[in-house]
Amino acid sequence: METYLSGSRKNRNPRVVAYNAINADYFSKAGRLAPPRRSPEERVQSFSEVEGAFDHASALNEAGRCFNCGICNDCDNCRLYCPELAIYLNGSRCINLDYCKGCGICVVECPRDAMSLEEEKI
């Protein structure tokens, strides 16, 4: 809805990130929660919803499983792993192309696939 109303999310990259592009080593494994369901005996006695909704705490736990794919969360892995120290902060992460050798370690170590390596356009 925020995107539809031209909120701040409209500026996000619309690219869909595949699971194999995420560096899952940086995330702890969390099982999916199942919403509460009525038993078959309860279902035949009423027209109530079969599948219930999560309570507040369960909804927050389930939302916490989100990887936030393609969005930089300022983890600084790119800066930590860059062997040439080509990535610096200037309000956001910037790459000094005079030092970058194009090794791609920053891209590999980005847990959320928020970085990509492209040929410089002249």
PDB file of N, CA and C in Angstrom:
ATOM      1  N   MET A   1       0.824  -1.185   0.000  1.00  0.00           N
ATOM      2  CA  MET A   1       0.000   0.000   0.000  1.00  0.00           C
ATOM      3  C   MET A   1       0.871   1.254   0.000  1.00  0.00           C
ATOM      4  N   GLU A   2       1.987   1.187   0.738  1.00  0.00           N
ATOM      5  CA  GLU A   2       2.867   2.357   0.792  1.00  0.00           C
ATOM      6  C   GLU A   2       3.450   2.659  -0.586  1.00  0.00           C
ATOM      7  N   THR A   3       3.780   1.612  -1.351  1.00  0.00           N
ATOM      8  CA  THR A   3       4.294   1.811  -2.696  1.00  0.00           C
ATOM      9  C   THR A   3       3.226   2.449  -3.576  1.00  0.00           C
ATOM     10  N   TYR A   4       2.008   1.959  -3.465  1.00  0.00           N
ATOM     11  CA  TYR A   4       0.895   2.492  -4.251  1.00  0.00           C
ATOM     12  C   TYR A   4       0.665   3.965  -3.945  1.00  0.00           C
ATOM     13  N   LEU A   5       0.832   4.348  -2.686  1.00  0.00           N
ATOM     14  CA  LEU A   5       0.615   5.733  -2.283  1.00  0.00           C
ATOM     15  C   LEU A   5       1.869   6.587  -2.449  1.00  0.00           C
ATOM     16  N   SER A   6       2.851   6.082  -3.171  1.00  0.00           N
ATOM     17  CA  SER A   6       4.112   6.789  -3.450  1.00  0.00           C
ATOM     18  C   SER A   6       4.890   7.098  -2.182  1.00  0.00           C
ATOM     19  N   GLY A   7       4.882   6.178  -1.247  1.00  0.00           N
ATOM     20  CA  GLY A   7       5.671   6.327  -0.026  1.00  0.00           C
ATOM     21  C   GLY A   7       7.139   6.036  -0.295  1.00  0.00           C
ATOM     22  N   SER A   8       7.927   5.942   0.757  1.00  0.00           N
ATOM     23  CA  SER A   8       9.371   5.762   0.598  1.00  0.00           C
ATOM     24  C   SER A   8       9.732   4.420  -0.034  1.00  0.00           C
ATOM     25  N   ARG A   9       8.862   3.432   0.048  1.00  0.00           N
ATOM     26  CA  ARG A   9       9.175   2.128  -0.522  1.00  0.00           C
ATOM     27  C   ARG A   9       9.142   2.126  -2.046  1.00  0.00           C
ATOM     28  N   LYS A  10       8.593   3.155  -2.660  1.00  0.00           N
ATOM     29  CA  LYS A  10       8.536   3.194  -4.117  1.00  0.00           C
ATOM     30  C   LYS A  10       9.928   3.291  -4.734  1.00  0.00           C
ATOM     31  N   ASN A  11      10.919   3.716  -3.938  1.00  0.00           N
ATOM     32  CA  ASN A  11      12.276   3.854  -4.431  1.00  0.00           C
ATOM     33  C   ASN A  11      13.076   2.561  -4.331  1.00  0.00           C
ATOM     34  N   ARG A  12      12.489   1.513  -3.781  1.00  0.00           N
ATOM     35  CA  ARG A  12      13.200   0.243  -3.668  1.00  0.00           C
ATOM     36  C   ARG A  12      13.372  -0.404  -5.028  1.00  0.00           C
ATOM     37  N   ASN A  13      14.391  -1.208  -5.119  1.00  0.00           N
ATOM     38  CA  ASN A  13      14.649  -1.952  -6.335  1.00  0.00           C
ATOM     39  C   ASN A  13      13.570  -3.019  -6.501  1.00  0.00           C
ATOM     40  N   PRO A  14      12.855  -3.046  -7.622  1.00  0.00           N
ATOM     41  CA  PRO A  14      11.776  -4.025  -7.798  1.00  0.00           C
ATOM     42  C   PRO A  14      12.273  -5.428  -8.146  1.00  0.00           C
ATOM     43  N   ARG A  15      13.583  -5.611  -8.290  1.00  0.00           N
ATOM     44  CA  ARG A  15      14.152  -6.902  -8.665  1.00  0.00           C
ATOM     45  C   ARG A  15      13.823  -7.956  -7.610  1.00  0.00           C
ATOM     46  N   VAL A  16      13.405  -9.122  -8.062  1.00  0.00           N
ATOM     47  CA  VAL A  16      13.108 -10.233  -7.161  1.00  0.00           C
ATOM     48  C   VAL A  16      14.404 -11.008  -6.939  1.00  0.00           C
ATOM     49  N   VAL A  17      14.749 -11.232  -5.678  1.00  0.00           N
ATOM     50  CA  VAL A  17      15.973 -11.931  -5.320  1.00  0.00           C
ATOM     51  C   VAL A  17      15.649 -13.405  -5.087  1.00  0.00           C
ATOM     52  N   ALA A  18      16.339 -14.278  -5.796  1.00  0.00           N
ATOM     53  CA  ALA A  18      16.152 -15.726  -5.618  1.00  0.00           C
ATOM     54  C   ALA A  18      16.834 -16.173  -4.323  1.00  0.00           C
ATOM     55  N   TYR A  19      16.318 -17.231  -3.716  1.00  0.00           N
ATOM     56  CA  TYR A  19      16.885 -17.707  -2.447  1.00  0.00           C
ATOM     57  C   TYR A  19      18.358 -18.077  -2.590  1.00  0.00           C
ATOM     58  N   ASN A  20      18.742 -18.663  -3.721  1.00  0.00           N
ATOM     59  CA  ASN A  20      20.147 -19.070  -3.879  1.00  0.00           C
ATOM     60  C   ASN A  20      21.086 -17.873  -4.039  1.00  0.00           C
ATOM     61  N   ALA A  21      20.562 -16.659  -4.197  1.00  0.00           N
ATOM     62  CA  ALA A  21      21.392 -15.455  -4.261  1.00  0.00           C
ATOM     63  C   ALA A  21      21.651 -14.864  -2.880  1.00  0.00           C
ATOM     64  N   ILE A  22      20.921 -15.344  -1.876  1.00  0.00           N
ATOM     65  CA  ILE A  22      21.089 -14.862  -0.509  1.00  0.00           C
ATOM     66  C   ILE A  22      22.202 -15.654   0.160  1.00  0.00           C
ATOM     67  N   ASN A  23      23.027 -14.974   0.936  1.00  0.00           N
ATOM     68  CA  ASN A  23      24.091 -15.642   1.677  1.00  0.00           C
ATOM     69  C   ASN A  23      23.500 -16.096   3.015  1.00  0.00           C
ATOM     70  N   ALA A  24      22.898 -17.283   3.014  1.00  0.00           N
ATOM     71  CA  ALA A  24      22.139 -17.777   4.167  1.00  0.00           C
ATOM     72  C   ALA A  24      23.017 -18.082   5.379  1.00  0.00           C
ATOM     73  N   ASP A  25      24.334 -18.078   5.216  1.00  0.00           N
ATOM     74  CA  ASP A  25      25.229 -18.331   6.350  1.00  0.00           C
ATOM     75  C   ASP A  25      25.094 -17.258   7.429  1.00  0.00           C
ATOM     76  N   TYR A  26      24.603 -16.102   7.076  1.00  0.00           N
ATOM     77  CA  TYR A  26      24.489 -14.989   8.021  1.00  0.00           C
ATOM     78  C   TYR A  26      23.161 -14.972   8.775  1.00  0.00           C
ATOM     79  N   PHE A  27      22.276 -15.915   8.505  1.00  0.00           N
ATOM     80  CA  PHE A  27      20.960 -15.927   9.127  1.00  0.00           C
ATOM     81  C   PHE A  27      20.783 -17.195   9.950  1.00  0.00           C
ATOM     82  N   SER A  28      20.121 -17.054  11.084  1.00  0.00           N
ATOM     83  CA  SER A  28      19.812 -18.234  11.888  1.00  0.00           C
ATOM     84  C   SER A  28      18.556 -18.889  11.333  1.00  0.00           C
ATOM     85  N   LYS A  29      18.514 -20.192  11.432  1.00  0.00           N
ATOM     86  CA  LYS A  29      17.374 -20.937  10.908  1.00  0.00           C
ATOM     87  C   LYS A  29      16.185 -20.778  11.859  1.00  0.00           C
ATOM     88  N   ALA A  30      15.052 -20.435  11.302  1.00  0.00           N
ATOM     89  CA  ALA A  30      13.829 -20.267  12.092  1.00  0.00           C
ATOM     90  C   ALA A  30      12.694 -20.960  11.350  1.00  0.00           C
ATOM     91  N   GLY A  31      12.032 -21.850  12.009  1.00  0.00           N
ATOM     92  CA  GLY A  31      10.938 -22.583  11.390  1.00  0.00           C
ATOM     93  C   GLY A  31       9.706 -21.726  11.176  1.00  0.00           C
ATOM     94  N   ARG A  32       8.946 -22.087  10.180  1.00  0.00           N
ATOM     95  CA  ARG A  32       7.717 -21.367   9.865  1.00  0.00           C
ATOM     96  C   ARG A  32       6.647 -21.700  10.900  1.00  0.00           C
ATOM     97  N   LEU A  33       5.931 -20.701  11.331  1.00  0.00           N
ATOM     98  CA  LEU A  33       4.827 -20.913  12.267  1.00  0.00           C
ATOM     99  C   LEU A  33       3.553 -21.212  11.477  1.00  0.00           C
ATOM    100  N   ALA A  34       2.779 -22.130  11.973  1.00  0.00           N
ATOM    101  CA  ALA A  34       1.498 -22.439  11.331  1.00  0.00           C
ATOM    102  C   ALA A  34       0.402 -21.683  12.074  1.00  0.00           C
ATOM    103  N   PRO A  35      -0.497 -21.044  11.342  1.00  0.00           N
ATOM    104  CA  PRO A  35      -1.602 -20.357  12.017  1.00  0.00           C
ATOM    105  C   PRO A  35      -2.526 -21.376  12.682  1.00  0.00           C
ATOM    106  N   PRO A  36      -3.236 -20.959  13.711  1.00  0.00           N
ATOM    107  CA  PRO A  36      -4.138 -21.899  14.382  1.00  0.00           C
ATOM    108  C   PRO A  36      -5.252 -22.347  13.437  1.00  0.00           C
ATOM    109  N   ARG A  37      -5.606 -23.629  13.523  1.00  0.00           N
ATOM    110  CA  ARG A  37      -6.657 -24.191  12.667  1.00  0.00           C
ATOM    111  C   ARG A  37      -7.709 -24.875  13.536  1.00  0.00           C
ATOM    112  N   ARG A  38      -8.938 -24.785  13.090  1.00  0.00           N
ATOM    113  CA  ARG A  38     -10.028 -25.461  13.793  1.00  0.00           C
ATOM    114  C   ARG A  38      -9.988 -26.951  13.456  1.00  0.00           C
ATOM    115  N   SER A  39     -10.354 -27.756  14.408  1.00  0.00           N
ATOM    116  CA  SER A  39     -10.399 -29.206  14.182  1.00  0.00           C
ATOM    117  C   SER A  39     -11.587 -29.523  13.268  1.00  0.00           C
ATOM    118  N   PRO A  40     -11.552 -30.671  12.611  1.00  0.00           N
ATOM    119  CA  PRO A  40     -12.682 -31.040  11.746  1.00  0.00           C
ATOM    120  C   PRO A  40     -14.013 -31.085  12.498  1.00  0.00           C
ATOM    121  N   GLU A  41     -13.980 -31.478  13.764  1.00  0.00           N
ATOM    122  CA  GLU A  41     -15.216 -31.527  14.543  1.00  0.00           C
ATOM    123  C   GLU A  41     -15.793 -30.122  14.729  1.00  0.00           C
ATOM    124  N   GLU A  42     -14.935 -29.130  14.960  1.00  0.00           N
ATOM    125  CA  GLU A  42     -15.401 -27.752  15.128  1.00  0.00           C
ATOM    126  C   GLU A  42     -15.897 -27.168  13.811  1.00  0.00           C
ATOM    127  N   ARG A  43     -15.269 -27.558  12.708  1.00  0.00           N
ATOM    128  CA  ARG A  43     -15.619 -27.001  11.401  1.00  0.00           C
ATOM    129  C   ARG A  43     -17.041 -27.349  10.995  1.00  0.00           C
ATOM    130  N   VAL A  44     -17.465 -28.580  11.257  1.00  0.00           N
ATOM    131  CA  VAL A  44     -18.793 -28.997  10.801  1.00  0.00           C
ATOM    132  C   VAL A  44     -19.909 -28.389  11.639  1.00  0.00           C
ATOM    133  N   GLN A  45     -19.581 -27.780  12.761  1.00  0.00           N
ATOM    134  CA  GLN A  45     -20.596 -27.215  13.634  1.00  0.00           C
ATOM    135  C   GLN A  45     -20.852 -25.726  13.396  1.00  0.00           C
ATOM    136  N   SER A  46     -20.013 -25.078  12.571  1.00  0.00           N
ATOM    137  CA  SER A  46     -20.219 -23.648  12.345  1.00  0.00           C
ATOM    138  C   SER A  46     -19.633 -23.234  11.000  1.00  0.00           C
ATOM    139  N   PHE A  47     -19.870 -21.977  10.662  1.00  0.00           N
ATOM    140  CA  PHE A  47     -19.308 -21.411   9.434  1.00  0.00           C
ATOM    141  C   PHE A  47     -18.129 -20.493   9.738  1.00  0.00           C
ATOM    142  N   SER A  48     -17.520 -20.679  10.883  1.00  0.00           N
ATOM    143  CA  SER A  48     -16.370 -19.854  11.273  1.00  0.00           C
ATOM    144  C   SER A  48     -15.176 -20.168  10.380  1.00  0.00           C
ATOM    145  N   GLU A  49     -14.232 -19.236  10.360  1.00  0.00           N
ATOM    146  CA  GLU A  49     -13.016 -19.422   9.573  1.00  0.00           C
ATOM    147  C   GLU A  49     -12.290 -20.690  10.020  1.00  0.00           C
ATOM    148  N   VAL A  50     -11.783 -21.439   9.069  1.00  0.00           N
ATOM    149  CA  VAL A  50     -11.041 -22.664   9.379  1.00  0.00           C
ATOM    150  C   VAL A  50      -9.658 -22.312   9.894  1.00  0.00           C
ATOM    151  N   GLU A  51      -9.013 -21.377   9.231  1.00  0.00           N
ATOM    152  CA  GLU A  51      -7.659 -20.984   9.607  1.00  0.00           C
ATOM    153  C   GLU A  51      -7.719 -19.637  10.316  1.00  0.00           C
ATOM    154  N   GLY A  52      -7.206 -19.606  11.527  1.00  0.00           N
ATOM    155  CA  GLY A  52      -7.240 -18.380  12.313  1.00  0.00           C
ATOM    156  C   GLY A  52      -6.066 -17.466  11.998  1.00  0.00           C
ATOM    157  N   ALA A  53      -6.023 -16.352  12.663  1.00  0.00           N
ATOM    158  CA  ALA A  53      -4.949 -15.371  12.481  1.00  0.00           C
ATOM    159  C   ALA A  53      -3.922 -15.533  13.596  1.00  0.00           C
ATOM    160  N   PHE A  54      -2.712 -15.059  13.329  1.00  0.00           N
ATOM    161  CA  PHE A  54      -1.670 -15.067  14.348  1.00  0.00           C
ATOM    162  C   PHE A  54      -1.986 -14.031  15.424  1.00  0.00           C
ATOM    163  N   ASP A  55      -1.558 -14.295  16.640  1.00  0.00           N
ATOM    164  CA  ASP A  55      -1.613 -13.251  17.655  1.00  0.00           C
ATOM    165  C   ASP A  55      -0.449 -12.303  17.401  1.00  0.00           C
ATOM    166  N   HIS A  56      -0.395 -11.206  18.131  1.00  0.00           N
ATOM    167  CA  HIS A  56       0.602 -10.163  17.880  1.00  0.00           C
ATOM    168  C   HIS A  56       2.034 -10.704  17.953  1.00  0.00           C
ATOM    169  N   ALA A  57       2.345 -11.447  18.998  1.00  0.00           N
ATOM    170  CA  ALA A  57       3.709 -11.967  19.178  1.00  0.00           C
ATOM    171  C   ALA A  57       4.078 -12.944  18.067  1.00  0.00           C
ATOM    172  N   SER A  58       3.154 -13.814  17.685  1.00  0.00           N
ATOM    173  CA  SER A  58       3.422 -14.780  16.617  1.00  0.00           C
ATOM    174  C   SER A  58       3.618 -14.078  15.276  1.00  0.00           C
ATOM    175  N   ALA A  59       2.832 -13.046  15.028  1.00  0.00           N
ATOM    176  CA  ALA A  59       2.972 -12.285  13.781  1.00  0.00           C
ATOM    177  C   ALA A  59       4.340 -11.610  13.718  1.00  0.00           C
ATOM    178  N   LEU A  60       4.799 -11.057  14.831  1.00  0.00           N
ATOM    179  CA  LEU A  60       6.124 -10.431  14.858  1.00  0.00           C
ATOM    180  C   LEU A  60       7.225 -11.466  14.658  1.00  0.00           C
ATOM    181  N   ASN A  61       7.082 -12.644  15.259  1.00  0.00           N
ATOM    182  CA  ASN A  61       8.072 -13.709  15.060  1.00  0.00           C
ATOM    183  C   ASN A  61       8.122 -14.149  13.606  1.00  0.00           C
ATOM    184  N   GLU A  62       6.964 -14.286  12.988  1.00  0.00           N
ATOM    185  CA  GLU A  62       6.916 -14.705  11.588  1.00  0.00           C
ATOM    186  C   GLU A  62       7.510 -13.626  10.682  1.00  0.00           C
ATOM    187  N   ALA A  63       7.224 -12.368  10.960  1.00  0.00           N
ATOM    188  CA  ALA A  63       7.793 -11.269  10.166  1.00  0.00           C
ATOM    189  C   ALA A  63       9.302 -11.184  10.359  1.00  0.00           C
ATOM    190  N   GLY A  64       9.795 -11.598  11.521  1.00  0.00           N
ATOM    191  CA  GLY A  64      11.228 -11.580  11.792  1.00  0.00           C
ATOM    192  C   GLY A  64      12.017 -12.567  10.961  1.00  0.00           C
ATOM    193  N   ARG A  65      11.329 -13.499  10.317  1.00  0.00           N
ATOM    194  CA  ARG A  65      11.997 -14.465   9.450  1.00  0.00           C
ATOM    195  C   ARG A  65      12.370 -13.852   8.092  1.00  0.00           C
ATOM    196  N   CYS A  66      11.851 -12.681   7.785  1.00  0.00           N
ATOM    197  CA  CYS A  66      12.088 -12.035   6.490  1.00  0.00           C
ATOM    198  C   CYS A  66      13.561 -11.695   6.323  1.00  0.00           C
ATOM    199  N   PHE A  67      14.111 -11.973   5.150  1.00  0.00           N
ATOM    200  CA  PHE A  67      15.518 -11.683   4.868  1.00  0.00           C
ATOM    201  C   PHE A  67      15.744 -10.234   4.450  1.00  0.00           C
ATOM    202  N   ASN A  68      14.707  -9.499   4.097  1.00  0.00           N
ATOM    203  CA  ASN A  68      14.833  -8.153   3.523  1.00  0.00           C
ATOM    204  C   ASN A  68      15.739  -8.193   2.296  1.00  0.00           C
ATOM    205  N   CYS A  69      15.411  -9.068   1.385  1.00  0.00           N
ATOM    206  CA  CYS A  69      16.223  -9.306   0.189  1.00  0.00           C
ATOM    207  C   CYS A  69      16.427  -8.040  -0.634  1.00  0.00           C
ATOM    208  N   GLY A  70      17.634  -7.857  -1.103  1.00  0.00           N
ATOM    209  CA  GLY A  70      17.944  -6.760  -1.992  1.00  0.00           C
ATOM    210  C   GLY A  70      18.026  -5.401  -1.332  1.00  0.00           C
ATOM    211  N   ILE A  71      17.906  -5.358  -0.007  1.00  0.00           N
ATOM    212  CA  ILE A  71      17.933  -4.089   0.702  1.00  0.00           C
ATOM    213  C   ILE A  71      19.159  -4.049   1.612  1.00  0.00           C
ATOM    214  N   CYS A  72      19.975  -3.044   1.483  1.00  0.00           N
ATOM    215  CA  CYS A  72      21.147  -2.896   2.350  1.00  0.00           C
ATOM    216  C   CYS A  72      20.681  -2.553   3.757  1.00  0.00           C
ATOM    217  N   ASN A  73      21.167  -3.300   4.732  1.00  0.00           N
ATOM    218  CA  ASN A  73      20.805  -3.017   6.126  1.00  0.00           C
ATOM    219  C   ASN A  73      22.006  -2.509   6.917  1.00  0.00           C
ATOM    220  N   ASP A  74      23.000  -1.988   6.223  1.00  0.00           N
ATOM    221  CA  ASP A  74      24.183  -1.391   6.849  1.00  0.00           C
ATOM    222  C   ASP A  74      24.970  -2.381   7.703  1.00  0.00           C
ATOM    223  N   CYS A  75      25.114  -3.614   7.240  1.00  0.00           N
ATOM    224  CA  CYS A  75      25.865  -4.615   8.009  1.00  0.00           C
ATOM    225  C   CYS A  75      27.373  -4.410   7.888  1.00  0.00           C
ATOM    226  N   ASP A  76      27.819  -3.675   6.882  1.00  0.00           N
ATOM    227  CA  ASP A  76      29.228  -3.368   6.630  1.00  0.00           C
ATOM    228  C   ASP A  76      30.074  -4.560   6.209  1.00  0.00           C
ATOM    229  N   ASN A  77      29.474  -5.666   5.818  1.00  0.00           N
ATOM    230  CA  ASN A  77      30.267  -6.791   5.316  1.00  0.00           C
ATOM    231  C   ASN A  77      31.067  -6.389   4.086  1.00  0.00           C
ATOM    232  N   CYS A  78      30.486  -5.565   3.228  1.00  0.00           N
ATOM    233  CA  CYS A  78      31.189  -5.144   2.018  1.00  0.00           C
ATOM    234  C   CYS A  78      32.482  -4.410   2.382  1.00  0.00           C
ATOM    235  N   ARG A  79      32.405  -3.537   3.363  1.00  0.00           N
ATOM    236  CA  ARG A  79      33.596  -2.791   3.796  1.00  0.00           C
ATOM    237  C   ARG A  79      34.596  -3.690   4.519  1.00  0.00           C
ATOM    238  N   LEU A  80      34.085  -4.615   5.330  1.00  0.00           N
ATOM    239  CA  LEU A  80      34.980  -5.486   6.094  1.00  0.00           C
ATOM    240  C   LEU A  80      35.771  -6.441   5.206  1.00  0.00           C
ATOM    241  N   TYR A  81      35.134  -6.956   4.158  1.00  0.00           N
ATOM    242  CA  TYR A  81      35.776  -7.962   3.320  1.00  0.00           C
ATOM    243  C   TYR A  81      36.509  -7.398   2.110  1.00  0.00           C
ATOM    244  N   CYS A  82      36.340  -6.117   1.813  1.00  0.00           N
ATOM    245  CA  CYS A  82      37.005  -5.532   0.643  1.00  0.00           C
ATOM    246  C   CYS A  82      38.515  -5.495   0.867  1.00  0.00           C
ATOM    247  N   PRO A  83      39.284  -6.245   0.074  1.00  0.00           N
ATOM    248  CA  PRO A  83      40.736  -6.278   0.292  1.00  0.00           C
ATOM    249  C   PRO A  83      41.432  -4.976  -0.087  1.00  0.00           C
ATOM    250  N   GLU A  84      40.798  -4.144  -0.902  1.00  0.00           N
ATOM    251  CA  GLU A  84      41.408  -2.894  -1.363  1.00  0.00           C
ATOM    252  C   GLU A  84      40.898  -1.668  -0.614  1.00  0.00           C
ATOM    253  N   LEU A  85      39.994  -1.872   0.361  1.00  0.00           N
ATOM    254  CA  LEU A  85      39.386  -0.768   1.112  1.00  0.00           C
ATOM    255  C   LEU A  85      38.775   0.270   0.176  1.00  0.00           C
ATOM    256  N   ALA A  86      38.127  -0.226  -0.875  1.00  0.00           N
ATOM    257  CA  ALA A  86      37.562   0.657  -1.883  1.00  0.00           C
ATOM    258  C   ALA A  86      36.166   1.154  -1.514  1.00  0.00           C
ATOM    259  N   ILE A  87      35.547   0.567  -0.506  1.00  0.00           N
ATOM    260  CA  ILE A  87      34.196   0.959  -0.123  1.00  0.00           C
ATOM    261  C   ILE A  87      34.284   1.892   1.076  1.00  0.00           C
ATOM    262  N   TYR A  88      33.636   3.029   0.977  1.00  0.00           N
ATOM    263  CA  TYR A  88      33.678   4.010   2.053  1.00  0.00           C
ATOM    264  C   TYR A  88      32.282   4.569   2.286  1.00  0.00           C
ATOM    265  N   LEU A  89      32.122   5.227   3.428  1.00  0.00           N
ATOM    266  CA  LEU A  89      30.841   5.828   3.783  1.00  0.00           C
ATOM    267  C   LEU A  89      30.839   7.310   3.433  1.00  0.00           C
ATOM    268  N   ASN A  90      29.790   7.712   2.756  1.00  0.00           N
ATOM    269  CA  ASN A  90      29.575   9.126   2.449  1.00  0.00           C
ATOM    270  C   ASN A  90      28.060   9.349   2.488  1.00  0.00           C
ATOM    271  N   GLY A  91      27.467   9.127   3.658  1.00  0.00           N
ATOM    272  CA  GLY A  91      26.017   9.122   3.776  1.00  0.00           C
ATOM    273  C   GLY A  91      25.466   7.737   3.489  1.00  0.00           C
ATOM    274  N   SER A  92      25.944   7.101   2.437  1.00  0.00           N
ATOM    275  CA  SER A  92      25.633   5.703   2.111  1.00  0.00           C
ATOM    276  C   SER A  92      26.938   5.074   1.630  1.00  0.00           C
ATOM    277  N   ARG A  93      26.904   3.829   1.284  1.00  0.00           N
ATOM    278  CA  ARG A  93      28.122   3.161   0.834  1.00  0.00           C
ATOM    279  C   ARG A  93      28.462   3.594  -0.579  1.00  0.00           C
ATOM    280  N   CYS A  94      29.717   3.940  -0.780  1.00  0.00           N
ATOM    281  CA  CYS A  94      30.208   4.350  -2.090  1.00  0.00           C
ATOM    282  C   CYS A  94      31.440   3.518  -2.411  1.00  0.00           C
ATOM    283  N   ILE A  95      31.705   3.356  -3.675  1.00  0.00           N
ATOM    284  CA  ILE A  95      32.872   2.581  -4.097  1.00  0.00           C
ATOM    285  C   ILE A  95      33.824   3.512  -4.835  1.00  0.00           C
ATOM    286  N   ASN A  96      35.054   3.551  -4.362  1.00  0.00           N
ATOM    287  CA  ASN A  96      36.085   4.328  -5.024  1.00  0.00           C
ATOM    288  C   ASN A  96      36.618   3.471  -6.172  1.00  0.00           C
ATOM    289  N   LEU A  97      36.225   3.804  -7.384  1.00  0.00           N
ATOM    290  CA  LEU A  97      36.582   2.994  -8.541  1.00  0.00           C
ATOM    291  C   LEU A  97      38.068   3.042  -8.861  1.00  0.00           C
ATOM    292  N   ASP A  98      38.801   4.000  -8.296  1.00  0.00           N
ATOM    293  CA  ASP A  98      40.252   4.034  -8.502  1.00  0.00           C
ATOM    294  C   ASP A  98      40.939   2.890  -7.752  1.00  0.00           C
ATOM    295  N   TYR A  99      40.318   2.421  -6.661  1.00  0.00           N
ATOM    296  CA  TYR A  99      40.894   1.346  -5.856  1.00  0.00           C
ATOM    297  C   TYR A  99      40.256  -0.012  -6.125  1.00  0.00           C
ATOM    298  N   CYS A 100      39.006  -0.038  -6.557  1.00  0.00           N
ATOM    299  CA  CYS A 100      38.290  -1.296  -6.770  1.00  0.00           C
ATOM    300  C   CYS A 100      38.923  -2.075  -7.920  1.00  0.00           C
ATOM    301  N   LYS A 101      39.222  -3.338  -7.635  1.00  0.00           N
ATOM    302  CA  LYS A 101      39.824  -4.209  -8.654  1.00  0.00           C
ATOM    303  C   LYS A 101      38.794  -5.124  -9.310  1.00  0.00           C
ATOM    304  N   GLY A 102      37.541  -5.052  -8.833  1.00  0.00           N
ATOM    305  CA  GLY A 102      36.483  -5.863  -9.429  1.00  0.00           C
ATOM    306  C   GLY A 102      36.509  -7.315  -9.000  1.00  0.00           C
ATOM    307  N   CYS A 103      37.048  -7.599  -7.812  1.00  0.00           N
ATOM    308  CA  CYS A 103      37.147  -8.994  -7.362  1.00  0.00           C
ATOM    309  C   CYS A 103      35.786  -9.581  -7.014  1.00  0.00           C
ATOM    310  N   GLY A 104      34.840  -8.756  -6.579  1.00  0.00           N
ATOM    311  CA  GLY A 104      33.487  -9.213  -6.281  1.00  0.00           C
ATOM    312  C   GLY A 104      33.294  -9.819  -4.909  1.00  0.00           C
ATOM    313  N   ILE A 105      34.296  -9.740  -4.038  1.00  0.00           N
ATOM    314  CA  ILE A 105      34.151 -10.293  -2.689  1.00  0.00           C
ATOM    315  C   ILE A 105      33.029  -9.573  -1.946  1.00  0.00           C
ATOM    316  N   CYS A 106      32.902  -8.274  -2.148  1.00  0.00           N
ATOM    317  CA  CYS A 106      31.835  -7.507  -1.475  1.00  0.00           C
ATOM    318  C   CYS A 106      30.461  -8.031  -1.877  1.00  0.00           C
ATOM    319  N   VAL A 107      30.308  -8.403  -3.132  1.00  0.00           N
ATOM    320  CA  VAL A 107      29.027  -8.907  -3.622  1.00  0.00           C
ATOM    321  C   VAL A 107      28.736 -10.285  -3.028  1.00  0.00           C
ATOM    322  N   VAL A 108      29.746 -11.139  -2.958  1.00  0.00           N
ATOM    323  CA  VAL A 108      29.575 -12.491  -2.421  1.00  0.00           C
ATOM    324  C   VAL A 108      29.233 -12.447  -0.938  1.00  0.00           C
ATOM    325  N   GLU A 109      29.851 -11.531  -0.192  1.00  0.00           N
ATOM    326  CA  GLU A 109      29.645 -11.470   1.254  1.00  0.00           C
ATOM    327  C   GLU A 109      28.419 -10.671   1.671  1.00  0.00           C
ATOM    328  N   CYS A 110      27.731 -10.048   0.739  1.00  0.00           N
ATOM    329  CA  CYS A 110      26.504  -9.316   1.067  1.00  0.00           C
ATOM    330  C   CYS A 110      25.410 -10.328   1.390  1.00  0.00           C
ATOM    331  N   PRO A 111      24.913 -10.328   2.622  1.00  0.00           N
ATOM    332  CA  PRO A 111      23.941 -11.359   2.997  1.00  0.00           C
ATOM    333  C   PRO A 111      22.610 -11.267   2.265  1.00  0.00           C
ATOM    334  N   ARG A 112      22.229 -10.087   1.799  1.00  0.00           N
ATOM    335  CA  ARG A 112      20.893  -9.896   1.232  1.00  0.00           C
ATOM    336  C   ARG A 112      20.889  -9.637  -0.269  1.00  0.00           C
ATOM    337  N   ASP A 113      22.006  -9.830  -0.936  1.00  0.00           N
ATOM    338  CA  ASP A 113      22.122  -9.610  -2.375  1.00  0.00           C
ATOM    339  C   ASP A 113      21.739  -8.181  -2.748  1.00  0.00           C
ATOM    340  N   ALA A 114      22.200  -7.227  -1.929  1.00  0.00           N
ATOM    341  CA  ALA A 114      21.901  -5.823  -2.182  1.00  0.00           C
ATOM    342  C   ALA A 114      22.928  -5.187  -3.110  1.00  0.00           C
ATOM    343  N   MET A 115      24.000  -5.898  -3.419  1.00  0.00           N
ATOM    344  CA  MET A 115      25.049  -5.359  -4.287  1.00  0.00           C
ATOM    345  C   MET A 115      25.124  -6.182  -5.565  1.00  0.00           C
ATOM    346  N   SER A 116      25.579  -5.561  -6.620  1.00  0.00           N
ATOM    347  CA  SER A 116      25.829  -6.282  -7.865  1.00  0.00           C
ATOM    348  C   SER A 116      27.091  -5.719  -8.496  1.00  0.00           C
ATOM    349  N   LEU A 117      27.707  -6.516  -9.311  1.00  0.00           N
ATOM    350  CA  LEU A 117      28.947  -6.125  -9.975  1.00  0.00           C
ATOM    351  C   LEU A 117      28.634  -5.926 -11.446  1.00  0.00           C
ATOM    352  N   GLU A 118      28.841  -4.714 -11.930  1.00  0.00           N
ATOM    353  CA  GLU A 118      28.552  -4.396 -13.320  1.00  0.00           C
ATOM    354  C   GLU A 118      29.760  -3.715 -13.937  1.00  0.00           C
ATOM    355  N   GLU A 119      29.864  -3.819 -15.238  1.00  0.00           N
ATOM    356  CA  GLU A 119      30.943  -3.142 -15.940  1.00  0.00           C
ATOM    357  C   GLU A 119      30.702  -1.638 -15.889  1.00  0.00           C
ATOM    358  N   GLU A 120      31.771  -0.887 -15.657  1.00  0.00           N
ATOM    359  CA  GLU A 120      31.664   0.560 -15.569  1.00  0.00           C
ATOM    360  C   GLU A 120      31.266   1.138 -16.922  1.00  0.00           C
ATOM    361  N   LYS A 121      30.268   2.016 -16.898  1.00  0.00           N
ATOM    362  CA  LYS A 121      29.805   2.658 -18.125  1.00  0.00           C
ATOM    363  C   LYS A 121      30.605   3.936 -18.338  1.00  0.00           C
ATOM    364  N   ILE A 122      31.200   4.044 -19.484  1.00  0.00           N
ATOM    365  CA  ILE A 122      32.062   5.209 -19.776  1.00  0.00           C
ATOM    366  C   ILE A 122      31.298   6.228 -20.578  1.00  0.00           C
TER     367      ILE A 122
END
